[in-house]
Each structure stands twice: as C-alpha cells, then as structure tokens.
C-alpha cells in the first residue's frame, strides 16, 4: 500500500499524472515556439511533472536494481534531477518573471524536465509494453538506443528552437 492505495492503483495514478504532465509539457513547448506563455498549461506541466517525480520516489526499488550511490538508483536520480530543473524553471518563471537570463534558464530547464519525462516514458514502454519489450528485452539492443536517440535529438531541437523563439512580450506599462 502507498498513500492508502494498492500498488496497482498508485501505479495507475502515477502513470496518469505522468502522461498528463507530458501532454501539458508538449503544449507548453508549442506555446514557447509561438511566443505564447500559456500560464495555465505551463503551471499544470510544472506541478504535474513535480508530482511525477515525487510519486516516483514512493515506489520501492527492487533489490536487484543497479545503484548509483548507496540506495540511490537511476530512476531516483532522474527524479532528483527533474525536481532540481523544475525548481529552477519555476524560479525563473514565477520568481524572476523571465527577466534577462532567466528566460533562457526557464526554457532550458522546462525542456530538460519534459525530456526526462519522455525519457522515462520510453524506458517504461520498453519494460511494460509487450510488443516493444520484445524489440529490446534488456534495453541494451539497438531499437532502445535508437528510440532514446530520437527522443534526445527531438528535445535538443525543441530546446534550441524554443530558446531562440520564446521571447514573451513584456507587460505593457500601466496607464498614467
């Protein structure tokens, strides 16, 4: 049981949160490419991506899973990195209102957070979806590497394009 839910129910909640975070992140990214801030969609992306990372920490790590440091495994490391870039993105957006270099910080951090969500989506897809799992059962086969390479290239391109294009209009001065 996790948070009073069965493991299956909690896993389903975690997956739903993750998928909504990815969709809202993609919509926010499209907004950045067209110089629109999309405050509601962006807030949804930031909050649900943080929720994805936080709920991910609540799963037990199998004893046979590789460790990075002590009991810190790769999924938890990705979750920690995601929370750090989300904190920076939120600070840039809400604390510094995208002023000066904070615009770039926001774009880069939001793109990294969205990429990490999609990276995990690919990993989970190869682990849990039978026809995809058959292509790379150990995730060391070429189809897995190609899929992750494509995701990386797409998000680097998206991040660079958003960095160049996302220049939200400054707020109009208040009337005198």
C-alpha atoms as a PDB file:
ATOM      1  CA  UNK A   1       0.000   0.000   0.000  1.00  0.00           C
ATOM      2  CA  UNK A   2       1.175   3.505  -0.876  1.00  0.00           C
ATOM      3  CA  UNK A   3      -0.740   6.521   0.434  1.00  0.00           C
ATOM      4  CA  UNK A   4      -3.618   4.216   1.323  1.00  0.00           C
ATOM      5  CA  UNK A   5      -3.847   2.827  -2.231  1.00  0.00           C
ATOM      6  CA  UNK A   6      -2.966  -0.575  -3.548  1.00  0.00           C
ATOM      7  CA  UNK A   7       0.253  -0.724  -5.534  1.00  0.00           C
ATOM      8  CA  UNK A   8      -1.774  -1.165  -8.736  1.00  0.00           C
ATOM      9  CA  UNK A   9      -3.982   1.869  -8.013  1.00  0.00           C
ATOM     10  CA  UNK A  10      -0.996   4.013  -7.027  1.00  0.00           C
ATOM     11  CA  UNK A  11       0.887   2.946 -10.156  1.00  0.00           C
ATOM     12  CA  UNK A  12      -2.115   3.856 -12.281  1.00  0.00           C
ATOM     13  CA  UNK A  13      -2.338   7.280 -10.611  1.00  0.00           C
ATOM     14  CA  UNK A  14       1.392   7.832 -11.160  1.00  0.00           C
ATOM     15  CA  UNK A  15       1.075   6.910 -14.857  1.00  0.00           C
ATOM     16  CA  UNK A  16      -1.932   9.191 -15.367  1.00  0.00           C
ATOM     17  CA  UNK A  17      -0.118  12.097 -13.702  1.00  0.00           C
ATOM     18  CA  UNK A  18       2.954  11.416 -15.856  1.00  0.00           C
ATOM     19  CA  UNK A  19       1.001  11.283 -19.113  1.00  0.00           C
ATOM     20  CA  UNK A  20      -0.905  14.489 -18.351  1.00  0.00           C
ATOM     21  CA  UNK A  21       2.407  16.139 -17.424  1.00  0.00           C
ATOM     22  CA  UNK A  22       3.893  15.077 -20.774  1.00  0.00           C
ATOM     23  CA  UNK A  23       0.904  16.293 -22.792  1.00  0.00           C
ATOM     24  CA  UNK A  24       0.752  19.618 -20.941  1.00  0.00           C
ATOM     25  CA  UNK A  25       4.532  19.968 -21.337  1.00  0.00           C
ATOM     26  CA  UNK A  26       4.285  19.397 -25.077  1.00  0.00           C
ATOM     27  CA  UNK A  27       1.512  22.001 -25.286  1.00  0.00           C
ATOM     28  CA  UNK A  28       3.601  24.460 -23.257  1.00  0.00           C
ATOM     29  CA  UNK A  29       6.552  23.788 -25.574  1.00  0.00           C
ATOM     30  CA  UNK A  30       4.384  24.534 -28.615  1.00  0.00           C
ATOM     31  CA  UNK A  31       3.413  27.745 -26.840  1.00  0.00           C
ATOM     32  CA  UNK A  32       7.071  28.647 -26.379  1.00  0.00           C
ATOM     33  CA  UNK A  33       7.698  28.056 -30.068  1.00  0.00           C
ATOM     34  CA  UNK A  34       4.930  30.524 -30.885  1.00  0.00           C
ATOM     35  CA  UNK A  35       5.969  33.006 -28.155  1.00  0.00           C
ATOM     36  CA  UNK A  36       2.896  32.355 -26.023  1.00  0.00           C
ATOM     37  CA  UNK A  37       3.275  31.883 -22.295  1.00  0.00           C
ATOM     38  CA  UNK A  38       0.205  29.683 -21.770  1.00  0.00           C
ATOM     39  CA  UNK A  39       0.203  30.196 -17.971  1.00  0.00           C
ATOM     40  CA  UNK A  40      -2.391  27.540 -17.091  1.00  0.00           C
ATOM     41  CA  UNK A  41      -0.861  24.836 -19.245  1.00  0.00           C
ATOM     42  CA  UNK A  42       2.635  25.725 -18.048  1.00  0.00           C
ATOM     43  CA  UNK A  43       1.592  25.623 -14.385  1.00  0.00           C
ATOM     44  CA  UNK A  44      -0.087  22.253 -14.966  1.00  0.00           C
ATOM     45  CA  UNK A  45       3.098  20.939 -16.602  1.00  0.00           C
ATOM     46  CA  UNK A  46       5.357  22.156 -13.791  1.00  0.00           C
ATOM     47  CA  UNK A  47       3.119  20.895 -10.978  1.00  0.00           C
ATOM     48  CA  UNK A  48       2.359  17.502 -12.522  1.00  0.00           C
ATOM     49  CA  UNK A  49       5.957  16.906 -13.553  1.00  0.00           C
ATOM     50  CA  UNK A  50       6.991  17.574  -9.950  1.00  0.00           C
ATOM     51  CA  UNK A  51       4.208  15.237  -8.802  1.00  0.00           C
ATOM     52  CA  UNK A  52       5.503  12.582 -11.187  1.00  0.00           C
ATOM     53  CA  UNK A  53       8.959  12.793  -9.634  1.00  0.00           C
ATOM     54  CA  UNK A  54       7.651  12.857  -6.065  1.00  0.00           C
ATOM     55  CA  UNK A  55       5.337   9.888  -6.582  1.00  0.00           C
ATOM     56  CA  UNK A  56       8.175   8.058  -8.327  1.00  0.00           C
ATOM     57  CA  UNK A  57      10.202   8.236  -5.104  1.00  0.00           C
ATOM     58  CA  UNK A  58       7.437   6.319  -3.324  1.00  0.00           C
ATOM     59  CA  UNK A  59       7.976   3.117  -5.268  1.00  0.00           C
ATOM     60  CA  UNK A  60      10.260   0.538  -3.686  1.00  0.00           C
ATOM     61  CA  UNK A  61      13.407  -0.187  -5.617  1.00  0.00           C
ATOM     62  CA  UNK A  62      13.911  -3.873  -6.404  1.00  0.00           C
ATOM     63  CA  UNK A  63      16.906  -5.374  -4.611  1.00  0.00           C
ATOM     64  CA  UNK A  64      18.499  -6.386  -7.922  1.00  0.00           C
ATOM     65  CA  UNK A  65      18.312  -2.852  -9.388  1.00  0.00           C
ATOM     66  CA  UNK A  66      21.605  -1.081 -10.088  1.00  0.00           C
ATOM     67  CA  UNK A  67      22.629   1.569  -7.569  1.00  0.00           C
ATOM     68  CA  UNK A  68      24.267   4.902  -8.280  1.00  0.00           C
ATOM     69  CA  UNK A  69      25.198   5.875  -4.729  1.00  0.00           C
ATOM     70  CA  UNK A  70      24.109   3.869  -1.698  1.00  0.00           C
ATOM     71  CA  UNK A  71      20.411   3.163  -2.156  1.00  0.00           C
ATOM     72  CA  UNK A  72      20.006   5.786  -4.888  1.00  0.00           C
ATOM     73  CA  UNK A  73      19.046   4.075  -8.138  1.00  0.00           C
ATOM     74  CA  UNK A  74      18.854   5.582 -11.669  1.00  0.00           C
ATOM     75  CA  UNK A  75      15.095   6.335 -11.562  1.00  0.00           C
ATOM     76  CA  UNK A  76      15.518   8.239  -8.312  1.00  0.00           C
ATOM     77  CA  UNK A  77      18.490  10.118  -9.758  1.00  0.00           C
ATOM     78  CA  UNK A  78      16.360  11.138 -12.749  1.00  0.00           C
ATOM     79  CA  UNK A  79      13.604  12.215 -10.346  1.00  0.00           C
ATOM     80  CA  UNK A  80      16.058  14.316  -8.338  1.00  0.00           C
ATOM     81  CA  UNK A  81      17.462  15.978 -11.462  1.00  0.00           C
ATOM     82  CA  UNK A  82      13.920  16.634 -12.646  1.00  0.00           C
ATOM     83  CA  UNK A  83      12.978  18.290  -9.346  1.00  0.00           C
ATOM     84  CA  UNK A  84      16.082  20.485  -9.484  1.00  0.00           C
ATOM     85  CA  UNK A  85      15.413  21.693 -13.038  1.00  0.00           C
ATOM     86  CA  UNK A  86      11.728  22.195 -12.194  1.00  0.00           C
ATOM     87  CA  UNK A  87      12.695  24.339  -9.208  1.00  0.00           C
ATOM     88  CA  UNK A  88      14.962  26.442 -11.438  1.00  0.00           C
ATOM     89  CA  UNK A  89      12.278  26.715 -14.132  1.00  0.00           C
ATOM     90  CA  UNK A  90       9.708  27.791 -11.545  1.00  0.00           C
ATOM     91  CA  UNK A  91      12.103  30.312 -10.024  1.00  0.00           C
ATOM     92  CA  UNK A  92      12.863  31.737 -13.469  1.00  0.00           C
ATOM     93  CA  UNK A  93       9.185  31.934 -14.447  1.00  0.00           C
ATOM     94  CA  UNK A  94       7.492  32.959 -11.226  1.00  0.00           C
ATOM     95  CA  UNK A  95      10.304  34.484  -9.177  1.00  0.00           C
ATOM     96  CA  UNK A  96      12.196  36.421 -11.831  1.00  0.00           C
ATOM     97  CA  UNK A  97       9.373  36.605 -14.397  1.00  0.00           C
ATOM     98  CA  UNK A  98      11.715  35.563 -17.235  1.00  0.00           C
ATOM     99  CA  UNK A  99      13.777  38.755 -16.896  1.00  0.00           C
ATOM    100  CA  UNK A 100      17.153  38.818 -18.635  1.00  0.00           C
ATOM    101  CA  UNK A 101      18.964  35.464 -18.452  1.00  0.00           C
ATOM    102  CA  UNK A 102      16.108  33.864 -16.558  1.00  0.00           C
ATOM    103  CA  UNK A 103      14.159  33.470 -19.818  1.00  0.00           C
ATOM    104  CA  UNK A 104      16.856  31.132 -21.103  1.00  0.00           C
ATOM    105  CA  UNK A 105      17.067  29.347 -17.767  1.00  0.00           C
ATOM    106  CA  UNK A 106      13.328  28.719 -17.880  1.00  0.00           C
ATOM    107  CA  UNK A 107      13.355  27.415 -21.458  1.00  0.00           C
ATOM    108  CA  UNK A 108      16.323  25.102 -20.922  1.00  0.00           C
ATOM    109  CA  UNK A 109      15.040  23.760 -17.595  1.00  0.00           C
ATOM    110  CA  UNK A 110      11.492  23.222 -18.893  1.00  0.00           C
ATOM    111  CA  UNK A 111      12.879  21.395 -21.939  1.00  0.00           C
ATOM    112  CA  UNK A 112      15.084  19.192 -19.747  1.00  0.00           C
ATOM    113  CA  UNK A 113      12.184  18.352 -17.421  1.00  0.00           C
ATOM    114  CA  UNK A 114       9.967  17.427 -20.363  1.00  0.00           C
ATOM    115  CA  UNK A 115      12.781  15.401 -21.942  1.00  0.00           C
ATOM    116  CA  UNK A 116      13.319  13.472 -18.703  1.00  0.00           C
ATOM    117  CA  UNK A 117       9.604  12.635 -18.565  1.00  0.00           C
ATOM    118  CA  UNK A 118       9.732  11.371 -22.154  1.00  0.00           C
ATOM    119  CA  UNK A 119      12.993   9.503 -21.495  1.00  0.00           C
ATOM    120  CA  UNK A 120      11.270   7.630 -18.666  1.00  0.00           C
ATOM    121  CA  UNK A 121       8.211   7.069 -20.883  1.00  0.00           C
ATOM    122  CA  UNK A 122      10.433   5.297 -23.416  1.00  0.00           C
ATOM    123  CA  UNK A 123      12.126   3.244 -20.690  1.00  0.00           C
ATOM    124  CA  UNK A 124       8.780   2.229 -19.210  1.00  0.00           C
ATOM    125  CA  UNK A 125       7.358   1.479 -22.648  1.00  0.00           C
ATOM    126  CA  UNK A 126      10.217  -0.930 -23.389  1.00  0.00           C
ATOM    127  CA  UNK A 127       9.710  -2.547 -19.979  1.00  0.00           C
ATOM    128  CA  UNK A 128       5.918  -2.805 -19.893  1.00  0.00           C
ATOM    129  CA  UNK A 129       4.500  -2.908 -23.443  1.00  0.00           C
ATOM    130  CA  UNK A 130       4.943  -6.446 -24.743  1.00  0.00           C
ATOM    131  CA  UNK A 131       5.472  -5.758 -28.456  1.00  0.00           C
ATOM    132  CA  UNK A 132       8.009  -3.008 -27.678  1.00  0.00           C
ATOM    133  CA  UNK A 133       9.635  -5.097 -24.945  1.00  0.00           C
ATOM    134  CA  UNK A 134      10.175  -7.882 -27.488  1.00  0.00           C
ATOM    135  CA  UNK A 135      12.312  -5.483 -29.556  1.00  0.00           C
ATOM    136  CA  UNK A 136      14.710  -4.757 -26.688  1.00  0.00           C
ATOM    137  CA  UNK A 137      14.130  -7.007 -23.679  1.00  0.00           C
ATOM    138  CA  UNK A 138      17.272  -5.879 -21.857  1.00  0.00           C
ATOM    139  CA  UNK A 139      17.202  -2.278 -23.115  1.00  0.00           C
ATOM    140  CA  UNK A 140      20.708  -2.771 -24.489  1.00  0.00           C
ATOM    141  CA  UNK A 141      19.529  -3.588 -28.009  1.00  0.00           C
ATOM    142  CA  UNK A 142      19.632  -1.143 -30.954  1.00  0.00           C
ATOM    143  CA  UNK A 143      15.860  -0.377 -31.023  1.00  0.00           C
ATOM    144  CA  UNK A 144      16.056   1.011 -27.488  1.00  0.00           C
ATOM    145  CA  UNK A 145      19.136   3.086 -28.295  1.00  0.00           C
ATOM    146  CA  UNK A 146      17.507   4.404 -31.478  1.00  0.00           C
ATOM    147  CA  UNK A 147      14.307   5.315 -29.639  1.00  0.00           C
ATOM    148  CA  UNK A 148      16.210   7.161 -26.913  1.00  0.00           C
ATOM    149  CA  UNK A 149      18.453   8.814 -29.504  1.00  0.00           C
ATOM    150  CA  UNK A 150      15.444  10.086 -31.432  1.00  0.00           C
ATOM    151  CA  UNK A 151      13.870  11.427 -28.238  1.00  0.00           C
ATOM    152  CA  UNK A 152      17.119  13.183 -27.332  1.00  0.00           C
ATOM    153  CA  UNK A 153      17.505  14.731 -30.793  1.00  0.00           C
ATOM    154  CA  UNK A 154      13.872  15.888 -30.805  1.00  0.00           C
ATOM    155  CA  UNK A 155      14.235  17.557 -27.419  1.00  0.00           C
ATOM    156  CA  UNK A 156      17.577  19.171 -28.175  1.00  0.00           C
ATOM    157  CA  UNK A 157      15.998  20.601 -31.337  1.00  0.00           C
ATOM    158  CA  UNK A 158      12.897  21.677 -29.439  1.00  0.00           C
ATOM    159  CA  UNK A 159      15.002  23.293 -26.720  1.00  0.00           C
ATOM    160  CA  UNK A 160      17.186  25.190 -29.196  1.00  0.00           C
ATOM    161  CA  UNK A 161      14.166  26.386 -31.191  1.00  0.00           C
ATOM    162  CA  UNK A 162      12.313  27.442 -28.034  1.00  0.00           C
ATOM    163  CA  UNK A 163      15.421  29.221 -26.744  1.00  0.00           C
ATOM    164  CA  UNK A 164      15.606  31.220 -29.967  1.00  0.00           C
ATOM    165  CA  UNK A 165      11.885  31.915 -30.360  1.00  0.00           C
ATOM    166  CA  UNK A 166      10.444  32.240 -26.866  1.00  0.00           C
ATOM    167  CA  UNK A 167      10.539  35.921 -26.138  1.00  0.00           C
ATOM    168  CA  UNK A 168       7.255  36.692 -24.435  1.00  0.00           C
ATOM    169  CA  UNK A 169       6.129  40.223 -24.842  1.00  0.00           C
ATOM    170  CA  UNK A 170       6.910  42.444 -21.909  1.00  0.00           C
ATOM    171  CA  UNK A 171       3.935  43.607 -19.934  1.00  0.00           C
ATOM    172  CA  UNK A 172       2.560  46.907 -21.147  1.00  0.00           C
ATOM    173  CA  UNK A 173       3.269  49.810 -18.793  1.00  0.00           C
ATOM    174  CA  UNK A 174       0.399  50.788 -16.545  1.00  0.00           C
ATOM    175  CA  UNK A 175      -1.648  53.762 -17.746  1.00  0.00           C
ATOM    176  CA  UNK A 176      -0.741  57.053 -16.146  1.00  0.00           C
END
